[in-house]
Protein backbone atom coordinates (compact mmCIF):
# COMPACT_ATOMS: atom_id res chain seq x y z
CA UNK A 1 0.00 0.00 0.00
CA UNK A 2 1.45 3.36 -0.93
CA UNK A 3 1.66 6.33 1.38
CA UNK A 4 -1.21 8.26 -0.28
CA UNK A 5 -3.58 5.32 0.17
CA UNK A 6 -2.77 5.14 3.89
CA UNK A 7 -3.30 8.90 4.34
CA UNK A 8 -6.63 8.69 2.50
CA UNK A 9 -7.78 5.80 4.71
CA UNK A 10 -6.89 7.74 7.86
CA UNK A 11 -8.69 10.84 6.59
CA UNK A 12 -11.82 8.77 5.80
CA UNK A 13 -11.70 7.14 9.23
CA UNK A 14 -11.47 10.56 10.94
CA UNK A 15 -14.40 11.84 8.90
CA UNK A 16 -16.44 8.83 9.94
CA UNK A 17 -15.78 9.49 13.65
CA UNK A 18 -16.60 13.17 13.15
CA UNK A 19 -19.95 12.26 11.59
CA UNK A 20 -20.76 9.81 14.41
CA UNK A 21 -19.90 12.49 17.01
CA UNK A 22 -22.20 14.97 15.26
CA UNK A 23 -25.09 12.49 15.08
CA UNK A 24 -24.63 11.63 18.77
CA UNK A 25 -24.59 15.34 19.69
CA UNK A 26 -27.87 15.89 17.84
CA UNK A 27 -29.42 13.32 20.19
CA UNK A 28 -27.94 14.87 23.33
CA UNK A 29 -25.18 12.27 23.60
CA UNK A 30 -21.42 12.67 23.97
CA UNK A 31 -18.87 10.34 22.41
CA UNK A 32 -15.65 9.88 24.40
CA UNK A 33 -12.58 8.15 22.95
CA UNK A 34 -10.60 5.83 25.23
CA UNK A 35 -7.16 7.42 25.56
CA UNK A 36 -4.04 6.12 27.16
CA UNK A 37 -2.75 2.61 27.44
CA UNK A 38 -5.01 -0.29 26.51
CA UNK A 39 -6.08 -2.16 29.64
CA UNK A 40 -8.97 -4.23 30.95
CA UNK A 41 -10.92 -0.99 31.62
CA UNK A 42 -9.84 0.79 28.42
CA UNK A 43 -10.23 -1.23 25.25
CA UNK A 44 -9.40 1.76 23.05
CA UNK A 45 -12.79 2.36 21.44
CA UNK A 46 -15.59 4.71 22.60
CA UNK A 47 -17.87 5.41 25.55
CA UNK A 48 -21.30 7.01 25.12
CA UNK A 49 -22.58 9.53 27.70
CA UNK A 50 -25.98 11.18 28.03
CA UNK A 51 -26.59 14.86 28.81
CA UNK A 52 -26.02 14.22 32.54
CA UNK A 53 -22.66 12.56 31.80
CA UNK A 54 -24.08 9.17 32.76
CA UNK A 55 -22.49 6.25 30.93
CA UNK A 56 -25.09 4.68 28.67
CA UNK A 57 -22.80 2.56 26.52
CA UNK A 58 -19.25 1.27 26.34
CA UNK A 59 -18.29 1.53 30.04
CA UNK A 60 -14.90 0.01 29.21
CA UNK A 61 -14.45 2.14 26.07
CA UNK A 62 -15.60 -0.84 24.05
CA UNK A 63 -18.25 0.59 21.66
CA UNK A 64 -17.41 0.89 17.97
CA UNK A 65 -18.77 3.60 15.69
CA UNK A 66 -21.17 1.07 14.17
CA UNK A 67 -22.49 0.02 17.59
CA UNK A 68 -23.03 3.68 18.51
CA UNK A 69 -25.02 4.32 15.33
CA UNK A 70 -27.06 1.16 15.98
CA UNK A 71 -27.80 2.36 19.53
CA UNK A 72 -28.91 5.77 18.27
CA UNK A 73 -31.15 4.15 15.64
CA UNK A 74 -32.78 1.98 18.34
CA UNK A 75 -33.21 5.09 20.50
CA UNK A 76 -34.96 6.91 17.65
CA UNK A 77 -37.30 3.94 17.03
CA UNK A 78 -38.41 3.76 20.67
CA UNK A 79 -39.21 7.48 20.99
Foldseek 3Di string as FASTA:
>chain_A
DDPVVVVVVVVVVVVLVVVLQVVQVVVQKHKDFQDDDDDPQANGAIFIAHNVRHTPDDRSNPDHSVNSVVVVVVVVVVD
